[in-house]
């Protein structure tokens, strides 16, 4: 049974673009999640993207800023809560017993979950604070040279500054 998306795809596209613009690939299915996590050597950073305000105001900008570091994860992947619902469920299962939250950032190394930044560690914090936490982790466990995109391209990024709570769910008036 396939779970339908909760939001119109065009409404979340700008939020998706924020992460793909800095090098993330989108995962659409539980099988893709499993393959990436199990078969990627090194560190996989997996962001569960979200329509919530803390994703817009802190998580996505903080992640983008952290990826300007001199070392970054080997692979950057994302799935969108409420959209690729089965993929998100699989990511969450792989980092259990951490409770599900959106947004969140999970790190896998050689198939095993090594760290999770839950919504509770994101909400109420600035992008700079989130980036600092991520960079500390990158410096400890990553070896791929950064940044994920050239500084000139990073400087041109714009972040969606809206709370998605105003996005109507699919099938509601």
C-alpha atoms as a PDB file:
ATOM      1  CA  UNK A   1       0.000   0.000   0.000  1.00  0.00           C
ATOM      2  CA  UNK A   2       1.479   3.320  -1.080  1.00  0.00           C
ATOM      3  CA  UNK A   3       0.917   6.331   1.150  1.00  0.00           C
ATOM      4  CA  UNK A   4      -0.189   9.401  -0.791  1.00  0.00           C
ATOM      5  CA  UNK A   5       1.577  12.746  -0.384  1.00  0.00           C
ATOM      6  CA  UNK A   6      -0.031  15.117   2.092  1.00  0.00           C
ATOM      7  CA  UNK A   7       0.868  18.365   0.301  1.00  0.00           C
ATOM      8  CA  UNK A   8       0.699  19.626  -3.271  1.00  0.00           C
ATOM      9  CA  UNK A   9       4.089  18.979  -4.867  1.00  0.00           C
ATOM     10  CA  UNK A  10       4.366  22.523  -6.223  1.00  0.00           C
ATOM     11  CA  UNK A  11       3.933  23.925  -2.691  1.00  0.00           C
ATOM     12  CA  UNK A  12       6.942  22.042  -1.304  1.00  0.00           C
ATOM     13  CA  UNK A  13       9.196  22.332  -4.356  1.00  0.00           C
ATOM     14  CA  UNK A  14      10.999  25.498  -3.129  1.00  0.00           C
ATOM     15  CA  UNK A  15      11.742  23.686   0.145  1.00  0.00           C
ATOM     16  CA  UNK A  16      13.150  20.719  -1.772  1.00  0.00           C
ATOM     17  CA  UNK A  17      15.236  23.037  -3.933  1.00  0.00           C
ATOM     18  CA  UNK A  18      17.032  24.454  -0.893  1.00  0.00           C
ATOM     19  CA  UNK A  19      18.652  21.092  -0.247  1.00  0.00           C
ATOM     20  CA  UNK A  20      19.192  19.912  -3.811  1.00  0.00           C
ATOM     21  CA  UNK A  21      20.901  23.247  -4.531  1.00  0.00           C
ATOM     22  CA  UNK A  22      23.633  22.338  -2.027  1.00  0.00           C
ATOM     23  CA  UNK A  23      24.177  18.803  -3.290  1.00  0.00           C
ATOM     24  CA  UNK A  24      21.447  16.595  -1.823  1.00  0.00           C
ATOM     25  CA  UNK A  25      19.809  13.822  -3.798  1.00  0.00           C
ATOM     26  CA  UNK A  26      16.195  12.993  -3.056  1.00  0.00           C
ATOM     27  CA  UNK A  27      15.189   9.505  -2.008  1.00  0.00           C
ATOM     28  CA  UNK A  28      11.725   8.445  -3.125  1.00  0.00           C
ATOM     29  CA  UNK A  29      11.255   4.941  -1.728  1.00  0.00           C
ATOM     30  CA  UNK A  30      12.205   2.711   1.197  1.00  0.00           C
ATOM     31  CA  UNK A  31      14.258   0.613  -1.219  1.00  0.00           C
ATOM     32  CA  UNK A  32      16.330   3.653  -2.246  1.00  0.00           C
ATOM     33  CA  UNK A  33      16.874   4.529   1.423  1.00  0.00           C
ATOM     34  CA  UNK A  34      17.982   0.998   2.230  1.00  0.00           C
ATOM     35  CA  UNK A  35      20.344   0.845  -0.753  1.00  0.00           C
ATOM     36  CA  UNK A  36      21.999   4.205   0.007  1.00  0.00           C
ATOM     37  CA  UNK A  37      22.422   3.563   3.726  1.00  0.00           C
ATOM     38  CA  UNK A  38      23.625  -0.031   3.353  1.00  0.00           C
ATOM     39  CA  UNK A  39      25.819   0.347   0.265  1.00  0.00           C
ATOM     40  CA  UNK A  40      27.437   3.767   0.598  1.00  0.00           C
ATOM     41  CA  UNK A  41      30.926   3.564   2.040  1.00  0.00           C
ATOM     42  CA  UNK A  42      31.657   6.254   4.580  1.00  0.00           C
ATOM     43  CA  UNK A  43      29.257   8.795   6.052  1.00  0.00           C
ATOM     44  CA  UNK A  44      25.738   9.419   4.744  1.00  0.00           C
ATOM     45  CA  UNK A  45      23.937  12.542   5.935  1.00  0.00           C
ATOM     46  CA  UNK A  46      20.185  12.096   5.637  1.00  0.00           C
ATOM     47  CA  UNK A  47      17.889  15.088   6.146  1.00  0.00           C
ATOM     48  CA  UNK A  48      14.194  14.532   6.706  1.00  0.00           C
ATOM     49  CA  UNK A  49      12.896  17.753   5.198  1.00  0.00           C
ATOM     50  CA  UNK A  50       9.708  19.347   6.448  1.00  0.00           C
ATOM     51  CA  UNK A  51       7.208  22.142   5.874  1.00  0.00           C
ATOM     52  CA  UNK A  52       7.532  23.329   9.474  1.00  0.00           C
ATOM     53  CA  UNK A  53       8.909  26.713  10.412  1.00  0.00           C
ATOM     54  CA  UNK A  54      12.003  25.355  12.167  1.00  0.00           C
ATOM     55  CA  UNK A  55      12.995  23.585   8.944  1.00  0.00           C
ATOM     56  CA  UNK A  56      12.707  26.867   7.061  1.00  0.00           C
ATOM     57  CA  UNK A  57      14.221  29.132   9.655  1.00  0.00           C
ATOM     58  CA  UNK A  58      16.992  26.935  10.972  1.00  0.00           C
ATOM     59  CA  UNK A  59      17.458  23.389   9.663  1.00  0.00           C
ATOM     60  CA  UNK A  60      17.828  23.928   5.913  1.00  0.00           C
ATOM     61  CA  UNK A  61      19.905  27.125   6.228  1.00  0.00           C
ATOM     62  CA  UNK A  62      22.044  25.504   8.954  1.00  0.00           C
ATOM     63  CA  UNK A  63      22.674  22.407   6.863  1.00  0.00           C
ATOM     64  CA  UNK A  64      23.610  24.507   3.823  1.00  0.00           C
ATOM     65  CA  UNK A  65      26.006  26.603   5.914  1.00  0.00           C
ATOM     66  CA  UNK A  66      27.635  23.523   7.471  1.00  0.00           C
ATOM     67  CA  UNK A  67      28.272  22.075   4.021  1.00  0.00           C
ATOM     68  CA  UNK A  68      30.662  24.954   3.346  1.00  0.00           C
ATOM     69  CA  UNK A  69      33.076  23.197   5.747  1.00  0.00           C
ATOM     70  CA  UNK A  70      36.441  21.844   4.635  1.00  0.00           C
ATOM     71  CA  UNK A  71      35.222  18.244   5.181  1.00  0.00           C
ATOM     72  CA  UNK A  72      31.695  16.988   4.610  1.00  0.00           C
ATOM     73  CA  UNK A  73      29.782  13.679   4.544  1.00  0.00           C
ATOM     74  CA  UNK A  74      30.433  11.314   1.648  1.00  0.00           C
ATOM     75  CA  UNK A  75      26.811  11.347   0.493  1.00  0.00           C
ATOM     76  CA  UNK A  76      23.967  13.806   1.044  1.00  0.00           C
ATOM     77  CA  UNK A  77      20.403  12.504   0.804  1.00  0.00           C
ATOM     78  CA  UNK A  78      16.955  13.722   1.757  1.00  0.00           C
ATOM     79  CA  UNK A  79      13.336  12.654   1.895  1.00  0.00           C
ATOM     80  CA  UNK A  80      10.388  14.933   2.572  1.00  0.00           C
ATOM     81  CA  UNK A  81       8.060  14.254   5.510  1.00  0.00           C
ATOM     82  CA  UNK A  82       4.479  14.102   4.334  1.00  0.00           C
ATOM     83  CA  UNK A  83       5.570  13.518   0.742  1.00  0.00           C
ATOM     84  CA  UNK A  84       7.850  10.459   0.399  1.00  0.00           C
ATOM     85  CA  UNK A  85       6.158   8.938   3.405  1.00  0.00           C
ATOM     86  CA  UNK A  86       7.429   5.364   3.068  1.00  0.00           C
ATOM     87  CA  UNK A  87      11.005   6.569   2.500  1.00  0.00           C
ATOM     88  CA  UNK A  88      10.785   8.736   5.623  1.00  0.00           C
ATOM     89  CA  UNK A  89       9.400   5.803   7.620  1.00  0.00           C
ATOM     90  CA  UNK A  90      12.372   3.679   6.529  1.00  0.00           C
ATOM     91  CA  UNK A  91      14.886   6.355   7.512  1.00  0.00           C
ATOM     92  CA  UNK A  92      13.235   6.625  10.913  1.00  0.00           C
ATOM     93  CA  UNK A  93      13.277   2.854  11.360  1.00  0.00           C
ATOM     94  CA  UNK A  94      17.011   2.817  10.595  1.00  0.00           C
ATOM     95  CA  UNK A  95      17.732   5.317  13.367  1.00  0.00           C
ATOM     96  CA  UNK A  96      15.366   3.861  15.967  1.00  0.00           C
ATOM     97  CA  UNK A  97      14.947   4.131  18.934  1.00  0.00           C
ATOM     98  CA  UNK A  98      15.237   7.883  18.336  1.00  0.00           C
ATOM     99  CA  UNK A  99      11.650   9.139  18.174  1.00  0.00           C
ATOM    100  CA  UNK A 100      10.351  10.318  14.797  1.00  0.00           C
ATOM    101  CA  UNK A 101      10.659  14.038  14.212  1.00  0.00           C
ATOM    102  CA  UNK A 102      10.588  16.452  11.318  1.00  0.00           C
ATOM    103  CA  UNK A 103      12.881  17.995  10.471  1.00  0.00           C
ATOM    104  CA  UNK A 104      15.707  15.761  11.563  1.00  0.00           C
ATOM    105  CA  UNK A 105      19.204  14.890  10.417  1.00  0.00           C
ATOM    106  CA  UNK A 106      20.569  11.368  10.691  1.00  0.00           C
ATOM    107  CA  UNK A 107      24.115  10.202  10.045  1.00  0.00           C
ATOM    108  CA  UNK A 108      24.934   6.682   8.956  1.00  0.00           C
ATOM    109  CA  UNK A 109      28.407   5.239   8.645  1.00  0.00           C
ATOM    110  CA  UNK A 110      28.925   1.979   6.836  1.00  0.00           C
ATOM    111  CA  UNK A 111      25.239   1.147   7.294  1.00  0.00           C
ATOM    112  CA  UNK A 112      24.897   1.959  10.994  1.00  0.00           C
ATOM    113  CA  UNK A 113      23.285   5.027  12.537  1.00  0.00           C
ATOM    114  CA  UNK A 114      25.923   7.052  14.329  1.00  0.00           C
ATOM    115  CA  UNK A 115      24.094  10.277  15.247  1.00  0.00           C
ATOM    116  CA  UNK A 116      20.707  11.965  14.975  1.00  0.00           C
ATOM    117  CA  UNK A 117      19.813  15.625  15.331  1.00  0.00           C
ATOM    118  CA  UNK A 118      16.131  15.654  16.247  1.00  0.00           C
ATOM    119  CA  UNK A 119      13.680  18.513  15.945  1.00  0.00           C
ATOM    120  CA  UNK A 120      14.244  19.190  19.657  1.00  0.00           C
ATOM    121  CA  UNK A 121      17.893  19.994  18.804  1.00  0.00           C
ATOM    122  CA  UNK A 122      16.821  22.278  15.939  1.00  0.00           C
ATOM    123  CA  UNK A 123      13.764  24.160  17.142  1.00  0.00           C
ATOM    124  CA  UNK A 124      14.507  27.551  18.685  1.00  0.00           C
ATOM    125  CA  UNK A 125      18.116  27.585  17.462  1.00  0.00           C
ATOM    126  CA  UNK A 126      19.770  29.691  14.792  1.00  0.00           C
ATOM    127  CA  UNK A 127      21.141  28.301  11.525  1.00  0.00           C
ATOM    128  CA  UNK A 128      24.633  29.225  12.768  1.00  0.00           C
ATOM    129  CA  UNK A 129      24.206  27.173  15.957  1.00  0.00           C
ATOM    130  CA  UNK A 130      22.980  24.172  13.980  1.00  0.00           C
ATOM    131  CA  UNK A 131      25.827  24.563  11.491  1.00  0.00           C
ATOM    132  CA  UNK A 132      28.358  24.673  14.345  1.00  0.00           C
ATOM    133  CA  UNK A 133      27.042  21.380  15.753  1.00  0.00           C
ATOM    134  CA  UNK A 134      27.113  19.769  12.320  1.00  0.00           C
ATOM    135  CA  UNK A 135      30.624  21.032  11.544  1.00  0.00           C
ATOM    136  CA  UNK A 136      31.893  19.568  14.830  1.00  0.00           C
ATOM    137  CA  UNK A 137      30.542  16.192  13.745  1.00  0.00           C
ATOM    138  CA  UNK A 138      31.882  16.573  10.194  1.00  0.00           C
ATOM    139  CA  UNK A 139      35.347  17.368  11.547  1.00  0.00           C
ATOM    140  CA  UNK A 140      35.274  14.221  13.718  1.00  0.00           C
ATOM    141  CA  UNK A 141      33.937  11.636  11.261  1.00  0.00           C
ATOM    142  CA  UNK A 142      34.085  12.931   7.683  1.00  0.00           C
ATOM    143  CA  UNK A 143      36.904  12.977   5.152  1.00  0.00           C
ATOM    144  CA  UNK A 144      35.338  14.073   1.835  1.00  0.00           C
ATOM    145  CA  UNK A 145      36.680  17.491   0.883  1.00  0.00           C
ATOM    146  CA  UNK A 146      34.130  20.306   1.096  1.00  0.00           C
ATOM    147  CA  UNK A 147      32.391  22.506   0.427  1.00  0.00           C
ATOM    148  CA  UNK A 148      29.451  20.805  -1.274  1.00  0.00           C
ATOM    149  CA  UNK A 149      29.019  23.779  -3.619  1.00  0.00           C
ATOM    150  CA  UNK A 150      31.390  26.628  -4.425  1.00  0.00           C
ATOM    151  CA  UNK A 151      31.159  29.635  -2.074  1.00  0.00           C
ATOM    152  CA  UNK A 152      29.974  31.854  -4.952  1.00  0.00           C
ATOM    153  CA  UNK A 153      27.014  29.553  -5.575  1.00  0.00           C
ATOM    154  CA  UNK A 154      26.296  29.278  -1.838  1.00  0.00           C
ATOM    155  CA  UNK A 155      26.196  33.092  -1.591  1.00  0.00           C
ATOM    156  CA  UNK A 156      23.371  33.154  -4.164  1.00  0.00           C
ATOM    157  CA  UNK A 157      21.111  30.739  -2.268  1.00  0.00           C
ATOM    158  CA  UNK A 158      17.829  32.023  -0.953  1.00  0.00           C
ATOM    159  CA  UNK A 159      15.953  30.267   1.803  1.00  0.00           C
ATOM    160  CA  UNK A 160      12.196  29.843   2.005  1.00  0.00           C
ATOM    161  CA  UNK A 161      11.158  31.841   5.059  1.00  0.00           C
ATOM    162  CA  UNK A 162       7.674  30.505   5.566  1.00  0.00           C
ATOM    163  CA  UNK A 163       5.938  28.112   7.877  1.00  0.00           C
ATOM    164  CA  UNK A 164       4.340  25.353   5.892  1.00  0.00           C
ATOM    165  CA  UNK A 165       1.400  25.141   8.273  1.00  0.00           C
ATOM    166  CA  UNK A 166      -0.392  27.360   5.769  1.00  0.00           C
ATOM    167  CA  UNK A 167       0.084  24.830   2.990  1.00  0.00           C
ATOM    168  CA  UNK A 168      -3.241  23.020   2.562  1.00  0.00           C
ATOM    169  CA  UNK A 169      -3.091  19.259   2.688  1.00  0.00           C
ATOM    170  CA  UNK A 170      -4.044  17.388  -0.450  1.00  0.00           C
ATOM    171  CA  UNK A 171      -7.785  16.751  -0.531  1.00  0.00           C
ATOM    172  CA  UNK A 172      -8.738  19.467   1.969  1.00  0.00           C
ATOM    173  CA  UNK A 173     -10.582  22.681   1.124  1.00  0.00           C
END
